[in-house]
């Protein structure tokens, strides 16, 4: 009898252990399912927002499609009415298009017209700026500044001898210095000049014109790189040519 009780107790213990293990498994499974349900419930607002966004996008696309369809129908209707009007004008012996319609078709579309006007304004402004900048620099700088810059004391001049006759640069340099001009380089040119020339740096043509008038020299030229390298910082360079050497020799 005692053996039977021991055997039954062993089996009962095994069954109890199996039951406990099954209970733990079921509890773990239930906890996992509950966690998933909570996560799913927590993401509900995001799902609603995504659904609403998708619905809004679809609604916007549909509205755009309807608008395009309506515009196409309207354009087709207007085109049919225009064709009918022109047919009636032809049957009546009149031109198909009125003067206003011909003018409208001859003109570009409004957006292209705006671009053309903008391009004309930009180009015109550029031309005006260039004309003011370059022509204004050559013809004087206007106002009190221009008048002051033409004063001999404010003009630096180099005098260069372009002949084989010595002393010409010094002679004309003394003449300009006596009239109030500031002398810079007084020297010879590397090559000879047949005619006397007054060179000027860009923007200093008015000063050069006055110097040329004082020395009775007719030729005015924009200063070249060779002359500029000799003239140093002078804005005007007088090159005495063979025409003045001949006059000095005969004189």
C-alpha atoms as a PDB file:
ATOM      1  CA  UNK A   1       0.000   0.000   0.000  1.00  0.00           C
ATOM      2  CA  UNK A   2       2.811   2.307   0.915  1.00  0.00           C
ATOM      3  CA  UNK A   3       4.436   1.683  -2.433  1.00  0.00           C
ATOM      4  CA  UNK A   4       1.265   2.595  -4.255  1.00  0.00           C
ATOM      5  CA  UNK A   5       1.060   5.885  -2.345  1.00  0.00           C
ATOM      6  CA  UNK A   6       4.677   6.721  -3.172  1.00  0.00           C
ATOM      7  CA  UNK A   7       4.162   5.941  -6.840  1.00  0.00           C
ATOM      8  CA  UNK A   8       0.971   8.013  -7.005  1.00  0.00           C
ATOM      9  CA  UNK A   9       2.728  10.915  -5.248  1.00  0.00           C
ATOM     10  CA  UNK A  10       5.535  10.878  -7.779  1.00  0.00           C
ATOM     11  CA  UNK A  11       3.084  11.001 -10.678  1.00  0.00           C
ATOM     12  CA  UNK A  12       1.117  13.770  -8.980  1.00  0.00           C
ATOM     13  CA  UNK A  13       4.317  15.812  -8.548  1.00  0.00           C
ATOM     14  CA  UNK A  14       5.153  15.432 -12.229  1.00  0.00           C
ATOM     15  CA  UNK A  15       1.662  16.512 -13.244  1.00  0.00           C
ATOM     16  CA  UNK A  16       1.834  19.527 -10.903  1.00  0.00           C
ATOM     17  CA  UNK A  17       5.209  20.534 -12.359  1.00  0.00           C
ATOM     18  CA  UNK A  18       3.838  20.232 -15.890  1.00  0.00           C
ATOM     19  CA  UNK A  19       0.830  22.323 -14.865  1.00  0.00           C
ATOM     20  CA  UNK A  20       3.056  25.032 -13.393  1.00  0.00           C
ATOM     21  CA  UNK A  21       5.170  25.151 -16.548  1.00  0.00           C
ATOM     22  CA  UNK A  22       2.055  25.372 -18.708  1.00  0.00           C
ATOM     23  CA  UNK A  23       0.706  28.169 -16.506  1.00  0.00           C
ATOM     24  CA  UNK A  24       3.996  30.112 -16.860  1.00  0.00           C
ATOM     25  CA  UNK A  25       3.916  29.686 -20.643  1.00  0.00           C
ATOM     26  CA  UNK A  26       0.308  30.868 -20.853  1.00  0.00           C
ATOM     27  CA  UNK A  27       1.077  33.883 -18.640  1.00  0.00           C
ATOM     28  CA  UNK A  28       4.069  34.812 -20.827  1.00  0.00           C
ATOM     29  CA  UNK A  29       1.956  34.502 -23.967  1.00  0.00           C
ATOM     30  CA  UNK A  30      -0.794  36.625 -22.448  1.00  0.00           C
ATOM     31  CA  UNK A  31       1.694  39.330 -21.429  1.00  0.00           C
ATOM     32  CA  UNK A  32       3.165  39.422 -24.941  1.00  0.00           C
ATOM     33  CA  UNK A  33      -0.307  39.729 -26.514  1.00  0.00           C
ATOM     34  CA  UNK A  34      -1.241  42.509 -24.092  1.00  0.00           C
ATOM     35  CA  UNK A  35       1.977  44.404 -24.947  1.00  0.00           C
ATOM     36  CA  UNK A  36       1.243  44.104 -28.657  1.00  0.00           C
ATOM     37  CA  UNK A  37      -2.307  45.343 -28.156  1.00  0.00           C
ATOM     38  CA  UNK A  38      -1.006  48.339 -26.214  1.00  0.00           C
ATOM     39  CA  UNK A  39       1.543  49.167 -28.923  1.00  0.00           C
ATOM     40  CA  UNK A  40      -1.090  48.881 -31.606  1.00  0.00           C
ATOM     41  CA  UNK A  41      -3.473  51.081 -29.645  1.00  0.00           C
ATOM     42  CA  UNK A  42      -0.683  53.607 -29.024  1.00  0.00           C
ATOM     43  CA  UNK A  43       0.061  53.947 -32.724  1.00  0.00           C
ATOM     44  CA  UNK A  44      -3.555  54.648 -33.580  1.00  0.00           C
ATOM     45  CA  UNK A  45      -3.080  58.478 -33.847  1.00  0.00           C
ATOM     46  CA  UNK A  46      -0.202  58.024 -36.284  1.00  0.00           C
ATOM     47  CA  UNK A  47      -2.265  55.646 -38.357  1.00  0.00           C
ATOM     48  CA  UNK A  48      -5.130  58.097 -38.359  1.00  0.00           C
ATOM     49  CA  UNK A  49      -2.800  60.951 -39.391  1.00  0.00           C
ATOM     50  CA  UNK A  50      -1.287  58.851 -42.175  1.00  0.00           C
ATOM     51  CA  UNK A  51      -4.729  57.835 -43.375  1.00  0.00           C
ATOM     52  CA  UNK A  52      -5.900  61.454 -43.335  1.00  0.00           C
ATOM     53  CA  UNK A  53      -2.785  62.605 -45.196  1.00  0.00           C
ATOM     54  CA  UNK A  54      -3.250  59.936 -47.844  1.00  0.00           C
ATOM     55  CA  UNK A  55      -6.908  60.884 -48.187  1.00  0.00           C
ATOM     56  CA  UNK A  56      -6.002  64.588 -48.495  1.00  0.00           C
ATOM     57  CA  UNK A  57      -3.423  63.873 -51.185  1.00  0.00           C
ATOM     58  CA  UNK A  58      -5.891  61.766 -53.134  1.00  0.00           C
ATOM     59  CA  UNK A  59      -8.519  64.492 -52.788  1.00  0.00           C
ATOM     60  CA  UNK A  60      -6.064  67.157 -54.001  1.00  0.00           C
ATOM     61  CA  UNK A  61      -5.030  65.031 -56.974  1.00  0.00           C
ATOM     62  CA  UNK A  62      -8.667  64.403 -57.841  1.00  0.00           C
ATOM     63  CA  UNK A  63      -9.473  68.110 -57.566  1.00  0.00           C
ATOM     64  CA  UNK A  64      -6.546  68.946 -59.863  1.00  0.00           C
ATOM     65  CA  UNK A  65      -7.714  66.353 -62.388  1.00  0.00           C
ATOM     66  CA  UNK A  66     -11.232  67.795 -62.303  1.00  0.00           C
ATOM     67  CA  UNK A  67      -9.873  71.318 -62.754  1.00  0.00           C
ATOM     68  CA  UNK A  68      -7.820  70.263 -65.787  1.00  0.00           C
ATOM     69  CA  UNK A  69     -10.807  68.459 -67.274  1.00  0.00           C
ATOM     70  CA  UNK A  70     -12.962  71.547 -66.729  1.00  0.00           C
ATOM     71  CA  UNK A  71     -10.347  73.822 -68.324  1.00  0.00           C
ATOM     72  CA  UNK A  72     -10.033  71.464 -71.305  1.00  0.00           C
ATOM     73  CA  UNK A  73     -13.812  71.457 -71.755  1.00  0.00           C
ATOM     74  CA  UNK A  74     -13.923  75.232 -71.485  1.00  0.00           C
ATOM     75  CA  UNK A  75     -11.105  75.640 -74.012  1.00  0.00           C
ATOM     76  CA  UNK A  76     -12.783  73.214 -76.404  1.00  0.00           C
ATOM     77  CA  UNK A  77     -16.072  75.070 -76.052  1.00  0.00           C
ATOM     78  CA  UNK A  78     -14.409  78.435 -76.724  1.00  0.00           C
ATOM     79  CA  UNK A  79     -12.559  76.965 -79.710  1.00  0.00           C
ATOM     80  CA  UNK A  80     -15.825  75.577 -81.139  1.00  0.00           C
ATOM     81  CA  UNK A  81     -17.551  78.934 -80.636  1.00  0.00           C
ATOM     82  CA  UNK A  82     -14.638  80.719 -82.334  1.00  0.00           C
ATOM     83  CA  UNK A  83     -14.723  78.337 -85.296  1.00  0.00           C
ATOM     84  CA  UNK A  84     -18.465  78.883 -85.627  1.00  0.00           C
ATOM     85  CA  UNK A  85     -18.057  82.659 -85.466  1.00  0.00           C
ATOM     86  CA  UNK A  86     -15.381  82.615 -88.144  1.00  0.00           C
ATOM     87  CA  UNK A  87     -17.513  80.364 -90.343  1.00  0.00           C
ATOM     88  CA  UNK A  88     -20.384  82.806 -90.062  1.00  0.00           C
ATOM     89  CA  UNK A  89     -18.063  85.693 -90.948  1.00  0.00           C
ATOM     90  CA  UNK A  90     -16.786  83.835 -93.996  1.00  0.00           C
ATOM     91  CA  UNK A  91     -20.335  83.130 -95.175  1.00  0.00           C
ATOM     92  CA  UNK A  92     -21.155  86.809 -94.698  1.00  0.00           C
ATOM     93  CA  UNK A  93     -18.150  87.784 -96.863  1.00  0.00           C
ATOM     94  CA  UNK A  94     -16.227  89.275 -93.965  1.00  0.00           C
ATOM     95  CA  UNK A  95     -12.640  88.505 -92.832  1.00  0.00           C
ATOM     96  CA  UNK A  96     -12.455  85.558 -90.496  1.00  0.00           C
ATOM     97  CA  UNK A  97     -10.704  87.576 -87.768  1.00  0.00           C
ATOM     98  CA  UNK A  98     -11.359  91.072 -86.554  1.00  0.00           C
ATOM     99  CA  UNK A  99      -8.559  93.605 -86.284  1.00  0.00           C
ATOM    100  CA  UNK A 100      -8.330  93.047 -82.537  1.00  0.00           C
ATOM    101  CA  UNK A 101      -8.052  89.273 -83.015  1.00  0.00           C
ATOM    102  CA  UNK A 102      -5.286  89.662 -85.596  1.00  0.00           C
ATOM    103  CA  UNK A 103      -3.404  91.998 -83.264  1.00  0.00           C
ATOM    104  CA  UNK A 104      -3.849  89.558 -80.373  1.00  0.00           C
ATOM    105  CA  UNK A 105      -2.458  86.643 -82.401  1.00  0.00           C
ATOM    106  CA  UNK A 106       0.447  88.747 -83.665  1.00  0.00           C
ATOM    107  CA  UNK A 107       1.504  89.616 -80.126  1.00  0.00           C
ATOM    108  CA  UNK A 108       3.344  87.034 -78.008  1.00  0.00           C
ATOM    109  CA  UNK A 109       1.782  85.507 -74.930  1.00  0.00           C
ATOM    110  CA  UNK A 110       1.695  87.774 -71.844  1.00  0.00           C
ATOM    111  CA  UNK A 111       4.410  85.812 -70.032  1.00  0.00           C
ATOM    112  CA  UNK A 112       6.738  86.067 -73.036  1.00  0.00           C
ATOM    113  CA  UNK A 113       5.852  89.731 -73.426  1.00  0.00           C
ATOM    114  CA  UNK A 114       6.881  90.346 -69.810  1.00  0.00           C
ATOM    115  CA  UNK A 115      10.199  88.573 -70.419  1.00  0.00           C
ATOM    116  CA  UNK A 116      10.825  90.642 -73.569  1.00  0.00           C
ATOM    117  CA  UNK A 117      10.100  93.903 -71.735  1.00  0.00           C
ATOM    118  CA  UNK A 118      12.381  92.871 -68.854  1.00  0.00           C
ATOM    119  CA  UNK A 119      15.167  91.979 -71.306  1.00  0.00           C
ATOM    120  CA  UNK A 120      14.807  95.343 -73.064  1.00  0.00           C
ATOM    121  CA  UNK A 121      14.983  97.170 -69.723  1.00  0.00           C
ATOM    122  CA  UNK A 122      18.091  95.244 -68.645  1.00  0.00           C
ATOM    123  CA  UNK A 123      19.857  95.748 -71.985  1.00  0.00           C
ATOM    124  CA  UNK A 124      18.887  99.418 -72.096  1.00  0.00           C
ATOM    125  CA  UNK A 125      20.151  99.937 -68.561  1.00  0.00           C
ATOM    126  CA  UNK A 126      23.425  98.233 -69.429  1.00  0.00           C
ATOM    127  CA  UNK A 127      23.906 100.386 -72.523  1.00  0.00           C
ATOM    128  CA  UNK A 128      23.099 103.541 -70.563  1.00  0.00           C
ATOM    129  CA  UNK A 129      25.548 102.572 -67.818  1.00  0.00           C
ATOM    130  CA  UNK A 130      28.283 101.792 -70.329  1.00  0.00           C
ATOM    131  CA  UNK A 131      27.707 105.053 -72.177  1.00  0.00           C
ATOM    132  CA  UNK A 132      27.743 107.034 -68.960  1.00  0.00           C
ATOM    133  CA  UNK A 133      30.789 105.203 -67.616  1.00  0.00           C
ATOM    134  CA  UNK A 134      33.032 105.248 -70.662  1.00  0.00           C
ATOM    135  CA  UNK A 135      31.884 108.376 -72.494  1.00  0.00           C
ATOM    136  CA  UNK A 136      31.541 110.213 -69.221  1.00  0.00           C
ATOM    137  CA  UNK A 137      35.095 109.288 -68.261  1.00  0.00           C
ATOM    138  CA  UNK A 138      36.475 110.454 -71.601  1.00  0.00           C
ATOM    139  CA  UNK A 139      34.506 113.681 -71.737  1.00  0.00           C
ATOM    140  CA  UNK A 140      34.962 114.796 -68.138  1.00  0.00           C
ATOM    141  CA  UNK A 141      33.590 113.899 -64.728  1.00  0.00           C
ATOM    142  CA  UNK A 142      31.106 116.766 -64.334  1.00  0.00           C
ATOM    143  CA  UNK A 143      30.565 119.346 -61.648  1.00  0.00           C
ATOM    144  CA  UNK A 144      33.124 120.812 -59.318  1.00  0.00           C
ATOM    145  CA  UNK A 145      35.333 117.707 -59.372  1.00  0.00           C
ATOM    146  CA  UNK A 146      35.715 117.906 -63.150  1.00  0.00           C
ATOM    147  CA  UNK A 147      36.524 121.603 -63.039  1.00  0.00           C
ATOM    148  CA  UNK A 148      39.107 121.088 -60.307  1.00  0.00           C
ATOM    149  CA  UNK A 149      40.736 118.168 -62.136  1.00  0.00           C
ATOM    150  CA  UNK A 150      41.342 120.386 -65.172  1.00  0.00           C
ATOM    151  CA  UNK A 151      43.400 122.869 -63.185  1.00  0.00           C
ATOM    152  CA  UNK A 152      47.097 122.622 -64.244  1.00  0.00           C
ATOM    153  CA  UNK A 153      48.219 122.163 -60.629  1.00  0.00           C
ATOM    154  CA  UNK A 154      46.143 118.982 -60.460  1.00  0.00           C
ATOM    155  CA  UNK A 155      47.451 117.498 -63.729  1.00  0.00           C
ATOM    156  CA  UNK A 156      50.657 115.457 -63.794  1.00  0.00           C
ATOM    157  CA  UNK A 157      52.389 115.428 -67.192  1.00  0.00           C
ATOM    158  CA  UNK A 158      55.355 113.518 -68.572  1.00  0.00           C
ATOM    159  CA  UNK A 159      57.259 114.951 -71.516  1.00  0.00           C
ATOM    160  CA  UNK A 160      59.027 112.492 -73.814  1.00  0.00           C
ATOM    161  CA  UNK A 161      61.425 113.232 -76.640  1.00  0.00           C
ATOM    162  CA  UNK A 162      60.626 111.127 -79.688  1.00  0.00           C
ATOM    163  CA  UNK A 163      63.405 112.576 -81.852  1.00  0.00           C
ATOM    164  CA  UNK A 164      67.183 112.479 -82.124  1.00  0.00           C
ATOM    165  CA  UNK A 165      67.409 116.172 -81.233  1.00  0.00           C
ATOM    166  CA  UNK A 166      68.459 116.538 -77.605  1.00  0.00           C
ATOM    167  CA  UNK A 167      66.809 118.943 -75.196  1.00  0.00           C
ATOM    168  CA  UNK A 168      63.305 118.951 -76.680  1.00  0.00           C
ATOM    169  CA  UNK A 169      61.696 117.153 -73.750  1.00  0.00           C
ATOM    170  CA  UNK A 170      63.245 119.588 -71.276  1.00  0.00           C
ATOM    171  CA  UNK A 171      62.191 122.613 -73.361  1.00  0.00           C
ATOM    172  CA  UNK A 172      58.529 121.590 -73.522  1.00  0.00           C
ATOM    173  CA  UNK A 173      58.650 120.427 -69.917  1.00  0.00           C
ATOM    174  CA  UNK A 174      59.778 123.875 -68.805  1.00  0.00           C
ATOM    175  CA  UNK A 175      56.975 125.443 -70.823  1.00  0.00           C
ATOM    176  CA  UNK A 176      54.350 123.258 -69.137  1.00  0.00           C
ATOM    177  CA  UNK A 177      55.872 123.749 -65.704  1.00  0.00           C
ATOM    178  CA  UNK A 178      55.730 127.498 -66.190  1.00  0.00           C
ATOM    179  CA  UNK A 179      52.011 127.177 -66.856  1.00  0.00           C
ATOM    180  CA  UNK A 180      51.466 125.341 -63.581  1.00  0.00           C
ATOM    181  CA  UNK A 181      51.492 121.688 -64.647  1.00  0.00           C
ATOM    182  CA  UNK A 182      53.134 119.067 -62.419  1.00  0.00           C
ATOM    183  CA  UNK A 183      55.982 117.334 -64.265  1.00  0.00           C
ATOM    184  CA  UNK A 184      56.763 113.667 -63.826  1.00  0.00           C
ATOM    185  CA  UNK A 185      59.152 111.892 -66.215  1.00  0.00           C
ATOM    186  CA  UNK A 186      61.134 114.032 -68.684  1.00  0.00           C
ATOM    187  CA  UNK A 187      63.049 111.614 -70.885  1.00  0.00           C
ATOM    188  CA  UNK A 188      63.300 109.990 -74.317  1.00  0.00           C
ATOM    189  CA  UNK A 189      61.122 107.390 -76.027  1.00  0.00           C
ATOM    190  CA  UNK A 190      62.699 104.120 -77.214  1.00  0.00           C
ATOM    191  CA  UNK A 191      61.493 104.782 -80.769  1.00  0.00           C
ATOM    192  CA  UNK A 192      61.131 107.941 -82.855  1.00  0.00           C
ATOM    193  CA  UNK A 193      57.845 109.715 -83.641  1.00  0.00           C
ATOM    194  CA  UNK A 194      57.242 111.579 -86.889  1.00  0.00           C
ATOM    195  CA  UNK A 195      54.407 113.653 -85.385  1.00  0.00           C
ATOM    196  CA  UNK A 196      53.947 115.026 -81.892  1.00  0.00           C
ATOM    197  CA  UNK A 197      51.210 113.290 -79.876  1.00  0.00           C
ATOM    198  CA  UNK A 198      49.542 113.898 -76.529  1.00  0.00           C
ATOM    199  CA  UNK A 199      48.700 110.589 -74.855  1.00  0.00           C
ATOM    200  CA  UNK A 200      46.258 110.287 -71.960  1.00  0.00           C
ATOM    201  CA  UNK A 201      45.172 107.584 -69.539  1.00  0.00           C
ATOM    202  CA  UNK A 202      41.555 106.465 -69.690  1.00  0.00           C
ATOM    203  CA  UNK A 203      39.281 109.036 -68.101  1.00  0.00           C
ATOM    204  CA  UNK A 204      41.726 111.957 -68.580  1.00  0.00           C
ATOM    205  CA  UNK A 205      40.977 113.072 -72.130  1.00  0.00           C
ATOM    206  CA  UNK A 206      39.799 116.576 -71.028  1.00  0.00           C
ATOM    207  CA  UNK A 207      43.148 117.247 -69.324  1.00  0.00           C
ATOM    208  CA  UNK A 208      45.033 115.993 -72.378  1.00  0.00           C
ATOM    209  CA  UNK A 209      42.951 118.217 -74.653  1.00  0.00           C
ATOM    210  CA  UNK A 210      43.939 121.300 -72.634  1.00  0.00           C
ATOM    211  CA  UNK A 211      47.607 120.340 -72.675  1.00  0.00           C
ATOM    212  CA  UNK A 212      47.459 119.756 -76.430  1.00  0.00           C
ATOM    213  CA  UNK A 213      45.763 123.120 -76.938  1.00  0.00           C
ATOM    214  CA  UNK A 214      48.466 124.903 -74.934  1.00  0.00           C
ATOM    215  CA  UNK A 215      51.251 123.227 -76.931  1.00  0.00           C
ATOM    216  CA  UNK A 216      49.327 123.466 -80.234  1.00  0.00           C
ATOM    217  CA  UNK A 217      49.498 119.694 -80.778  1.00  0.00           C
ATOM    218  CA  UNK A 218      46.586 118.260 -82.768  1.00  0.00           C
ATOM    219  CA  UNK A 219      46.932 114.520 -82.187  1.00  0.00           C
ATOM    220  CA  UNK A 220      45.350 112.945 -79.102  1.00  0.00           C
ATOM    221  CA  UNK A 221      45.668 109.233 -78.375  1.00  0.00           C
ATOM    222  CA  UNK A 222      44.737 106.859 -75.554  1.00  0.00           C
ATOM    223  CA  UNK A 223      47.957 105.988 -73.748  1.00  0.00           C
ATOM    224  CA  UNK A 224      49.611 102.756 -74.872  1.00  0.00           C
ATOM    225  CA  UNK A 225      51.359 100.304 -72.573  1.00  0.00           C
ATOM    226  CA  UNK A 226      54.808 101.354 -73.867  1.00  0.00           C
ATOM    227  CA  UNK A 227      54.200 105.036 -73.207  1.00  0.00           C
ATOM    228  CA  UNK A 228      52.581 104.305 -69.832  1.00  0.00           C
ATOM    229  CA  UNK A 229      55.683 102.403 -68.704  1.00  0.00           C
ATOM    230  CA  UNK A 230      57.818 105.492 -69.400  1.00  0.00           C
ATOM    231  CA  UNK A 231      55.336 108.125 -68.232  1.00  0.00           C
ATOM    232  CA  UNK A 232      55.307 106.695 -64.686  1.00  0.00           C
ATOM    233  CA  UNK A 233      52.350 108.085 -62.717  1.00  0.00           C
ATOM    234  CA  UNK A 234      51.498 110.909 -65.144  1.00  0.00           C
ATOM    235  CA  UNK A 235      47.962 110.928 -66.516  1.00  0.00           C
ATOM    236  CA  UNK A 236      49.082 112.832 -69.622  1.00  0.00           C
ATOM    237  CA  UNK A 237      52.228 112.187 -71.677  1.00  0.00           C
ATOM    238  CA  UNK A 238      53.455 114.594 -74.342  1.00  0.00           C
ATOM    239  CA  UNK A 239      55.613 112.958 -77.013  1.00  0.00           C
ATOM    240  CA  UNK A 240      57.557 115.523 -79.034  1.00  0.00           C
ATOM    241  CA  UNK A 241      57.898 114.326 -82.615  1.00  0.00           C
ATOM    242  CA  UNK A 242      60.074 115.120 -85.629  1.00  0.00           C
ATOM    243  CA  UNK A 243      57.685 117.909 -86.692  1.00  0.00           C
ATOM    244  CA  UNK A 244      58.720 119.904 -83.589  1.00  0.00           C
ATOM    245  CA  UNK A 245      62.388 118.923 -84.021  1.00  0.00           C
ATOM    246  CA  UNK A 246      62.391 120.397 -87.509  1.00  0.00           C
ATOM    247  CA  UNK A 247      60.791 123.603 -86.261  1.00  0.00           C
ATOM    248  CA  UNK A 248      63.303 123.826 -83.398  1.00  0.00           C
ATOM    249  CA  UNK A 249      66.251 123.279 -85.752  1.00  0.00           C
ATOM    250  CA  UNK A 250      65.124 125.848 -88.259  1.00  0.00           C
ATOM    251  CA  UNK A 251      64.222 128.240 -85.487  1.00  0.00           C
END
